[in-house]
Amino acid sequence: MVKTSPGRRRAGLLASTVAVLAAVTACGTGAENAGAPRTVPGTAAPATGGPTTTPASSPAADPSPGPATTTAEPGATATPTASPPGTTDAPAPATGTRCHTPELRASVGRNNPGAGQENFPIVLTNTSDRTCTVRGYPGAAFLDASGKQLGPDPVRSPDPPETVTLAPGASAWAGLTFANPEVSGARAATPATLLVTPPDERAPLQVTWKGGRVPVSGNESTVRLITFSPGTGA
């Protein structure tokens, strides 16, 4: 069985998604993508990949048998019983819930260009000491040095989202792809940072952008996002 390298797999995934989106959005480029840079609010809109519920945690049951109960005389005041040594009334930490912004580190992986397309993985790494999940798409926006957004919001691919479970130190990646401005002829600019918002969160993460010029208006200026998959996309 021939094994496909992760880089070639990622390039194939991005290329197939771009082909589908090109057919869907062939008439959607043009004037609606034009416009002057606009100011990004203090918090980016959440990139919801589907409703997420957080199960309520409850204290662990004490396996030790408690003291024998007695019936208090009328008017008597009950005396609280101290917990046995080594036990605690604090609930166990939540596990299996979605990852929150303070628990994550964002980065942008190596470009894997092909057929006039620039393909970058947006990587979220779990820096907490618990296992958590991400699902769907990140929020993403290019910013100039003054903090103004360059170009329109990215378009999401039609791929079905999957829930990616991240153990401490594990990563998930989402594809960021656009046509090379030198090939497409779109008006371009060089961002200072990429603003990344984890799924279902409002607090963003900022990553220094080192990927060069990106399309910001005109034909073929659409930037596209692909749903999260396990790993770093390398």
C-alpha atoms as a PDB file:
ATOM      1  CA  MET A   1       0.000   0.000   0.000  1.00  0.00           C
ATOM      2  CA  VAL A   2       1.506   3.353  -1.037  1.00  0.00           C
ATOM      3  CA  LYS A   3       1.556   5.925   1.757  1.00  0.00           C
ATOM      4  CA  THR A   4       0.817   9.525   0.832  1.00  0.00           C
ATOM      5  CA  SER A   5       2.898  12.166   2.617  1.00  0.00           C
ATOM      6  CA  PRO A   6       0.974  14.598   4.887  1.00  0.00           C
ATOM      7  CA  GLY A   7       2.033  17.516   2.692  1.00  0.00           C
ATOM      8  CA  ARG A   8       0.647  15.892  -0.464  1.00  0.00           C
ATOM      9  CA  ARG A   9      -2.522  14.873   1.415  1.00  0.00           C
ATOM     10  CA  ARG A  10      -3.063  18.452   2.585  1.00  0.00           C
ATOM     11  CA  ALA A  11      -2.427  19.841  -0.901  1.00  0.00           C
ATOM     12  CA  GLY A  12      -4.951  17.377  -2.337  1.00  0.00           C
ATOM     13  CA  LEU A  13      -7.562  18.299   0.266  1.00  0.00           C
ATOM     14  CA  LEU A  14      -7.118  22.003  -0.325  1.00  0.00           C
ATOM     15  CA  ALA A  15      -7.129  21.630  -4.107  1.00  0.00           C
ATOM     16  CA  SER A  16     -10.362  19.598  -4.110  1.00  0.00           C
ATOM     17  CA  THR A  17     -12.092  22.058  -1.810  1.00  0.00           C
ATOM     18  CA  VAL A  18     -11.012  25.017  -3.938  1.00  0.00           C
ATOM     19  CA  ALA A  19     -12.373  23.285  -7.046  1.00  0.00           C
ATOM     20  CA  VAL A  20     -15.796  22.819  -5.426  1.00  0.00           C
ATOM     21  CA  LEU A  21     -15.897  26.378  -4.147  1.00  0.00           C
ATOM     22  CA  ALA A  22     -14.804  27.770  -7.508  1.00  0.00           C
ATOM     23  CA  ALA A  23     -17.861  26.179  -9.111  1.00  0.00           C
ATOM     24  CA  VAL A  24     -20.182  27.445  -6.377  1.00  0.00           C
ATOM     25  CA  THR A  25     -18.815  30.985  -6.175  1.00  0.00           C
ATOM     26  CA  ALA A  26     -17.902  31.606  -9.802  1.00  0.00           C
ATOM     27  CA  CYS A  27     -20.450  34.418  -9.956  1.00  0.00           C
ATOM     28  CA  GLY A  28     -19.753  35.689  -6.463  1.00  0.00           C
ATOM     29  CA  THR A  29     -16.477  37.549  -7.033  1.00  0.00           C
ATOM     30  CA  GLY A  30     -16.204  41.122  -8.057  1.00  0.00           C
ATOM     31  CA  ALA A  31     -17.745  44.246  -6.612  1.00  0.00           C
ATOM     32  CA  GLU A  32     -18.930  42.645  -3.390  1.00  0.00           C
ATOM     33  CA  ASN A  33     -15.311  41.884  -2.465  1.00  0.00           C
ATOM     34  CA  ALA A  34     -14.078  45.420  -3.127  1.00  0.00           C
ATOM     35  CA  GLY A  35     -13.823  48.029  -0.429  1.00  0.00           C
ATOM     36  CA  ALA A  36     -11.504  50.013   1.768  1.00  0.00           C
ATOM     37  CA  PRO A  37      -9.971  48.380   4.840  1.00  0.00           C
ATOM     38  CA  ARG A  38     -12.323  48.440   7.801  1.00  0.00           C
ATOM     39  CA  THR A  39     -11.681  48.511  11.488  1.00  0.00           C
ATOM     40  CA  VAL A  40     -11.880  45.178  13.326  1.00  0.00           C
ATOM     41  CA  PRO A  41     -13.786  45.297  16.646  1.00  0.00           C
ATOM     42  CA  GLY A  42     -12.027  44.299  19.828  1.00  0.00           C
ATOM     43  CA  THR A  43     -13.350  40.746  19.620  1.00  0.00           C
ATOM     44  CA  ALA A  44     -13.843  38.741  16.472  1.00  0.00           C
ATOM     45  CA  ALA A  45     -17.170  37.040  15.845  1.00  0.00           C
ATOM     46  CA  PRO A  46     -17.220  33.396  16.914  1.00  0.00           C
ATOM     47  CA  ALA A  47     -16.686  30.786  14.242  1.00  0.00           C
ATOM     48  CA  THR A  48     -19.422  28.369  15.233  1.00  0.00           C
ATOM     49  CA  GLY A  49     -19.004  24.861  13.922  1.00  0.00           C
ATOM     50  CA  GLY A  50     -22.206  23.621  15.511  1.00  0.00           C
ATOM     51  CA  PRO A  51     -23.870  23.866  18.912  1.00  0.00           C
ATOM     52  CA  THR A  52     -21.666  22.745  21.737  1.00  0.00           C
ATOM     53  CA  THR A  53     -22.882  21.901  25.205  1.00  0.00           C
ATOM     54  CA  THR A  54     -20.706  21.653  28.275  1.00  0.00           C
ATOM     55  CA  PRO A  55     -21.714  18.877  30.669  1.00  0.00           C
ATOM     56  CA  ALA A  56     -22.078  19.987  34.252  1.00  0.00           C
ATOM     57  CA  SER A  57     -19.488  18.517  36.563  1.00  0.00           C
ATOM     58  CA  SER A  58     -20.383  17.081  39.946  1.00  0.00           C
ATOM     59  CA  PRO A  59     -18.328  16.197  43.015  1.00  0.00           C
ATOM     60  CA  ALA A  60     -16.859  12.710  43.064  1.00  0.00           C
ATOM     61  CA  ALA A  61     -18.772  10.329  45.330  1.00  0.00           C
ATOM     62  CA  ASP A  62     -17.061   9.559  48.635  1.00  0.00           C
ATOM     63  CA  PRO A  63     -16.601   5.764  48.775  1.00  0.00           C
ATOM     64  CA  SER A  64     -15.915   5.823  52.507  1.00  0.00           C
ATOM     65  CA  PRO A  65     -18.910   4.878  54.653  1.00  0.00           C
ATOM     66  CA  GLY A  66     -20.176   7.842  56.623  1.00  0.00           C
ATOM     67  CA  PRO A  67     -20.856   7.903  60.338  1.00  0.00           C
ATOM     68  CA  ALA A  68     -24.045   6.314  61.624  1.00  0.00           C
ATOM     69  CA  THR A  69     -26.955   8.730  61.544  1.00  0.00           C
ATOM     70  CA  THR A  70     -29.003   9.501  64.637  1.00  0.00           C
ATOM     71  CA  THR A  71     -32.342  11.181  65.071  1.00  0.00           C
ATOM     72  CA  ALA A  72     -32.019  14.596  66.717  1.00  0.00           C
ATOM     73  CA  GLU A  73     -34.240  15.465  69.609  1.00  0.00           C
ATOM     74  CA  PRO A  74     -36.863  18.160  68.848  1.00  0.00           C
ATOM     75  CA  GLY A  75     -35.307  21.614  69.078  1.00  0.00           C
ATOM     76  CA  ALA A  76     -31.742  20.254  68.991  1.00  0.00           C
ATOM     77  CA  THR A  77     -29.139  21.750  66.634  1.00  0.00           C
ATOM     78  CA  ALA A  78     -27.440  19.371  64.235  1.00  0.00           C
ATOM     79  CA  THR A  79     -23.651  19.279  64.429  1.00  0.00           C
ATOM     80  CA  PRO A  80     -21.895  19.113  61.019  1.00  0.00           C
ATOM     81  CA  THR A  81     -19.693  16.100  60.489  1.00  0.00           C
ATOM     82  CA  ALA A  82     -16.125  16.764  59.300  1.00  0.00           C
ATOM     83  CA  SER A  83     -14.998  15.143  56.050  1.00  0.00           C
ATOM     84  CA  PRO A  84     -12.602  12.202  56.446  1.00  0.00           C
ATOM     85  CA  PRO A  85      -8.906  13.102  55.966  1.00  0.00           C
ATOM     86  CA  GLY A  86      -7.768  13.155  52.344  1.00  0.00           C
ATOM     87  CA  THR A  87     -11.196  13.946  50.858  1.00  0.00           C
ATOM     88  CA  THR A  88     -12.388  17.169  49.254  1.00  0.00           C
ATOM     89  CA  ASP A  89     -15.750  18.649  48.417  1.00  0.00           C
ATOM     90  CA  ALA A  90     -14.425  20.391  45.253  1.00  0.00           C
ATOM     91  CA  PRO A  91     -15.829  19.067  41.933  1.00  0.00           C
ATOM     92  CA  ALA A  92     -13.529  17.270  39.529  1.00  0.00           C
ATOM     93  CA  PRO A  93     -12.205  19.398  36.630  1.00  0.00           C
ATOM     94  CA  ALA A  94     -14.282  19.311  33.437  1.00  0.00           C
ATOM     95  CA  THR A  95     -13.007  17.095  30.626  1.00  0.00           C
ATOM     96  CA  GLY A  96     -14.168  16.461  27.081  1.00  0.00           C
ATOM     97  CA  THR A  97     -15.531  19.983  26.591  1.00  0.00           C
ATOM     98  CA  ARG A  98     -14.532  22.438  23.883  1.00  0.00           C
ATOM     99  CA  CYS A  99     -11.203  24.243  24.011  1.00  0.00           C
ATOM    100  CA  HIS A 100     -11.302  27.868  25.164  1.00  0.00           C
ATOM    101  CA  THR A 101      -9.062  30.625  23.821  1.00  0.00           C
ATOM    102  CA  PRO A 102      -6.760  30.855  26.897  1.00  0.00           C
ATOM    103  CA  GLU A 103      -6.053  27.111  26.551  1.00  0.00           C
ATOM    104  CA  LEU A 104      -4.813  27.389  22.951  1.00  0.00           C
ATOM    105  CA  ARG A 105      -1.815  28.670  21.007  1.00  0.00           C
ATOM    106  CA  ALA A 106      -2.283  29.699  17.356  1.00  0.00           C
ATOM    107  CA  SER A 107       0.320  29.476  14.613  1.00  0.00           C
ATOM    108  CA  VAL A 108       0.516  29.388  10.816  1.00  0.00           C
ATOM    109  CA  GLY A 109       2.292  26.455   9.209  1.00  0.00           C
ATOM    110  CA  ARG A 110       4.401  26.186   6.071  1.00  0.00           C
ATOM    111  CA  ASN A 111       2.831  27.197   2.753  1.00  0.00           C
ATOM    112  CA  ASN A 112       2.161  24.320   0.352  1.00  0.00           C
ATOM    113  CA  PRO A 113       1.497  26.143  -2.949  1.00  0.00           C
ATOM    114  CA  GLY A 114       0.105  24.556  -6.075  1.00  0.00           C
ATOM    115  CA  ALA A 115      -1.616  25.525  -9.345  1.00  0.00           C
ATOM    116  CA  GLY A 116      -1.504  29.246  -8.544  1.00  0.00           C
ATOM    117  CA  GLN A 117      -2.921  28.678  -5.047  1.00  0.00           C
ATOM    118  CA  GLU A 118      -1.334  29.518  -1.689  1.00  0.00           C
ATOM    119  CA  ASN A 119      -2.260  26.986   0.990  1.00  0.00           C
ATOM    120  CA  PHE A 120      -1.473  27.619   4.662  1.00  0.00           C
ATOM    121  CA  PRO A 121      -2.507  25.561   7.709  1.00  0.00           C
ATOM    122  CA  ILE A 122      -3.882  27.519  10.674  1.00  0.00           C
ATOM    123  CA  VAL A 123      -2.792  25.449  13.687  1.00  0.00           C
ATOM    124  CA  LEU A 124      -4.326  25.463  17.174  1.00  0.00           C
ATOM    125  CA  THR A 125      -2.344  23.662  19.896  1.00  0.00           C
ATOM    126  CA  ASN A 126      -3.764  22.688  23.285  1.00  0.00           C
ATOM    127  CA  THR A 127      -1.506  24.285  25.927  1.00  0.00           C
ATOM    128  CA  SER A 128      -3.712  23.323  28.891  1.00  0.00           C
ATOM    129  CA  ASP A 129      -3.409  20.280  31.146  1.00  0.00           C
ATOM    130  CA  ARG A 130      -6.805  18.859  30.152  1.00  0.00           C
ATOM    131  CA  THR A 131      -8.244  17.244  27.036  1.00  0.00           C
ATOM    132  CA  CYS A 132     -10.611  19.466  25.037  1.00  0.00           C
ATOM    133  CA  THR A 133     -12.164  19.634  21.557  1.00  0.00           C
ATOM    134  CA  VAL A 134     -12.427  21.906  18.529  1.00  0.00           C
ATOM    135  CA  ARG A 135     -15.046  21.582  15.799  1.00  0.00           C
ATOM    136  CA  GLY A 136     -15.690  23.373  12.521  1.00  0.00           C
ATOM    137  CA  TYR A 137     -13.874  26.514  11.387  1.00  0.00           C
ATOM    138  CA  PRO A 138     -11.699  29.178  12.991  1.00  0.00           C
ATOM    139  CA  GLY A 139     -12.486  32.843  12.604  1.00  0.00           C
ATOM    140  CA  ALA A 140      -9.756  34.499  10.512  1.00  0.00           C
ATOM    141  CA  ALA A 141      -8.951  38.060   9.417  1.00  0.00           C
ATOM    142  CA  PHE A 142      -5.859  39.737   8.011  1.00  0.00           C
ATOM    143  CA  LEU A 143      -4.881  42.972   9.792  1.00  0.00           C
ATOM    144  CA  ASP A 144      -2.524  45.766   8.816  1.00  0.00           C
ATOM    145  CA  ALA A 145      -0.070  47.375  11.243  1.00  0.00           C
ATOM    146  CA  SER A 146      -2.765  49.750  12.534  1.00  0.00           C
ATOM    147  CA  GLY A 147      -5.184  46.910  13.311  1.00  0.00           C
ATOM    148  CA  LYS A 148      -7.531  47.470  10.348  1.00  0.00           C
ATOM    149  CA  GLN A 149      -8.876  44.451   8.484  1.00  0.00           C
ATOM    150  CA  LEU A 150      -7.541  43.856   4.982  1.00  0.00           C
ATOM    151  CA  GLY A 151     -10.079  42.411   2.576  1.00  0.00           C
ATOM    152  CA  PRO A 152     -13.414  40.702   3.258  1.00  0.00           C
ATOM    153  CA  ASP A 153     -14.016  37.869   5.695  1.00  0.00           C
ATOM    154  CA  PRO A 154     -12.940  34.446   4.408  1.00  0.00           C
ATOM    155  CA  VAL A 155     -15.505  32.110   2.843  1.00  0.00           C
ATOM    156  CA  ARG A 156     -16.075  28.732   4.516  1.00  0.00           C
ATOM    157  CA  SER A 157     -15.777  25.539   2.514  1.00  0.00           C
ATOM    158  CA  PRO A 158     -18.783  23.183   2.289  1.00  0.00           C
ATOM    159  CA  ASP A 159     -16.917  20.311   3.978  1.00  0.00           C
ATOM    160  CA  PRO A 160     -18.791  18.635   6.852  1.00  0.00           C
ATOM    161  CA  PRO A 161     -17.149  19.563  10.172  1.00  0.00           C
ATOM    162  CA  GLU A 162     -15.645  16.982  12.486  1.00  0.00           C
ATOM    163  CA  THR A 163     -14.925  17.152  16.196  1.00  0.00           C
ATOM    164  CA  VAL A 164     -11.188  16.970  16.869  1.00  0.00           C
ATOM    165  CA  THR A 165     -10.144  15.876  20.363  1.00  0.00           C
ATOM    166  CA  LEU A 166      -6.948  17.504  21.606  1.00  0.00           C
ATOM    167  CA  ALA A 167      -4.987  15.950  24.439  1.00  0.00           C
ATOM    168  CA  PRO A 168      -2.567  18.323  26.195  1.00  0.00           C
ATOM    169  CA  GLY A 169       0.058  19.334  23.622  1.00  0.00           C
ATOM    170  CA  ALA A 170      -1.918  18.042  20.617  1.00  0.00           C
ATOM    171  CA  SER A 171      -2.845  20.178  17.577  1.00  0.00           C
ATOM    172  CA  ALA A 172      -5.551  20.612  14.943  1.00  0.00           C
ATOM    173  CA  TRP A 173      -5.247  22.486  11.653  1.00  0.00           C
ATOM    174  CA  ALA A 174      -7.664  24.305   9.345  1.00  0.00           C
ATOM    175  CA  GLY A 175      -6.778  25.202   5.756  1.00  0.00           C
ATOM    176  CA  LEU A 176      -6.414  28.827   4.627  1.00  0.00           C
ATOM    177  CA  THR A 177      -6.210  29.119   0.839  1.00  0.00           C
ATOM    178  CA  PHE A 178      -6.273  31.886  -1.778  1.00  0.00           C
ATOM    179  CA  ALA A 179      -5.138  32.566  -5.340  1.00  0.00           C
ATOM    180  CA  ASN A 180      -1.659  34.031  -5.713  1.00  0.00           C
ATOM    181  CA  PRO A 181      -2.271  37.743  -6.464  1.00  0.00           C
ATOM    182  CA  GLU A 182       0.541  37.796  -9.021  1.00  0.00           C
ATOM    183  CA  VAL A 183      -1.304  35.115 -10.958  1.00  0.00           C
ATOM    184  CA  SER A 184      -4.896  36.266 -10.409  1.00  0.00           C
ATOM    185  CA  GLY A 185      -4.330  40.010 -10.782  1.00  0.00           C
ATOM    186  CA  ALA A 186      -6.284  40.824  -7.608  1.00  0.00           C
ATOM    187  CA  ARG A 187      -5.300  43.909  -5.623  1.00  0.00           C
ATOM    188  CA  ALA A 188      -3.008  42.760  -2.836  1.00  0.00           C
ATOM    189  CA  ALA A 189      -1.552  43.922   0.474  1.00  0.00           C
ATOM    190  CA  THR A 190       0.888  42.529   3.019  1.00  0.00           C
ATOM    191  CA  PRO A 191      -0.756  41.916   6.421  1.00  0.00           C
ATOM    192  CA  ALA A 192       1.045  42.460   9.702  1.00  0.00           C
ATOM    193  CA  THR A 193      -0.951  39.842  11.605  1.00  0.00           C
ATOM    194  CA  LEU A 194      -3.577  37.148  11.197  1.00  0.00           C
ATOM    195  CA  LEU A 195      -6.388  37.257  13.759  1.00  0.00           C
ATOM    196  CA  VAL A 196      -7.518  33.725  14.665  1.00  0.00           C
ATOM    197  CA  THR A 197     -10.634  32.988  16.744  1.00  0.00           C
ATOM    198  CA  PRO A 198     -11.152  29.392  17.949  1.00  0.00           C
ATOM    199  CA  PRO A 199     -14.535  27.785  17.160  1.00  0.00           C
ATOM    200  CA  ASP A 200     -17.413  28.970  19.375  1.00  0.00           C
ATOM    201  CA  GLU A 201     -15.146  31.496  21.133  1.00  0.00           C
ATOM    202  CA  ARG A 202     -15.085  35.308  20.985  1.00  0.00           C
ATOM    203  CA  ALA A 203     -11.596  36.084  22.272  1.00  0.00           C
ATOM    204  CA  PRO A 204      -9.117  35.985  19.350  1.00  0.00           C
ATOM    205  CA  LEU A 205      -5.437  35.078  19.088  1.00  0.00           C
ATOM    206  CA  GLN A 206      -2.964  37.124  17.013  1.00  0.00           C
ATOM    207  CA  VAL A 207      -0.287  35.515  14.860  1.00  0.00           C
ATOM    208  CA  THR A 208       2.472  37.411  13.063  1.00  0.00           C
ATOM    209  CA  TRP A 209       1.859  36.943   9.325  1.00  0.00           C
ATOM    210  CA  LYS A 210       4.948  35.886   7.363  1.00  0.00           C
ATOM    211  CA  GLY A 211       3.188  34.567   4.262  1.00  0.00           C
ATOM    212  CA  GLY A 212       3.668  37.626   2.047  1.00  0.00           C
ATOM    213  CA  ARG A 213       1.046  39.462   0.019  1.00  0.00           C
ATOM    214  CA  VAL A 214      -2.608  38.388   0.089  1.00  0.00           C
ATOM    215  CA  PRO A 215      -5.552  39.363  -2.166  1.00  0.00           C
ATOM    216  CA  VAL A 216      -7.796  42.047  -0.660  1.00  0.00           C
ATOM    217  CA  SER A 217     -10.153  43.138  -3.482  1.00  0.00           C
ATOM    218  CA  GLY A 218     -11.062  42.566  -7.117  1.00  0.00           C
ATOM    219  CA  ASN A 219     -11.625  39.347  -9.010  1.00  0.00           C
ATOM    220  CA  GLU A 220     -10.151  36.195  -7.496  1.00  0.00           C
ATOM    221  CA  SER A 221      -9.693  37.902  -4.116  1.00  0.00           C
ATOM    222  CA  THR A 222     -11.647  35.341  -2.095  1.00  0.00           C
ATOM    223  CA  VAL A 223      -9.851  33.744   0.841  1.00  0.00           C
ATOM    224  CA  ARG A 224     -11.248  30.345   1.845  1.00  0.00           C
ATOM    225  CA  LEU A 225     -11.225  28.284   5.043  1.00  0.00           C
ATOM    226  CA  ILE A 226     -11.329  24.510   5.368  1.00  0.00           C
ATOM    227  CA  THR A 227     -12.563  22.718   8.522  1.00  0.00           C
ATOM    228  CA  PHE A 228     -10.294  21.494  11.297  1.00  0.00           C
ATOM    229  CA  SER A 229      -8.517  18.143  11.018  1.00  0.00           C
ATOM    230  CA  PRO A 230      -6.178  16.441  13.497  1.00  0.00           C
ATOM    231  CA  GLY A 231      -2.471  17.285  13.339  1.00  0.00           C
ATOM    232  CA  THR A 232      -0.504  20.302  12.109  1.00  0.00           C
ATOM    233  CA  GLY A 233      -1.117  19.991   8.373  1.00  0.00           C
ATOM    234  CA  ALA A 234       2.611  19.513   7.722  1.00  0.00           C
END
